[in-house]
Amino acid sequence: MKYEVIVSDLGTMYQGADYTEAEHIYEDYALRSSKSYGRMSNKQVMLIDGTMKIIKLHKQRLATGT
């Protein structure tokens, strides 16, 4: 089966048949989203399969207040 990791503002970051590699890349971008983007983001990181079914979804919401 084919897997893709998509980052909302960057596009497809992985496309291939290795689920373990796709999951590793997903976790890496989800962690970056939480740490690097921080308060300024509205980022999404998705891991989907070849049927476009979302396997994992990480959303970093825009923080309010200071």
Foldseek 3Di string as FASTA:
>chain_A
DWKWKAKVVPGTPDIGDDPVVLVVVLVVVLVCCCPVCPQVDQMKIFMAGPVRHTPDIHTDDHDDDD
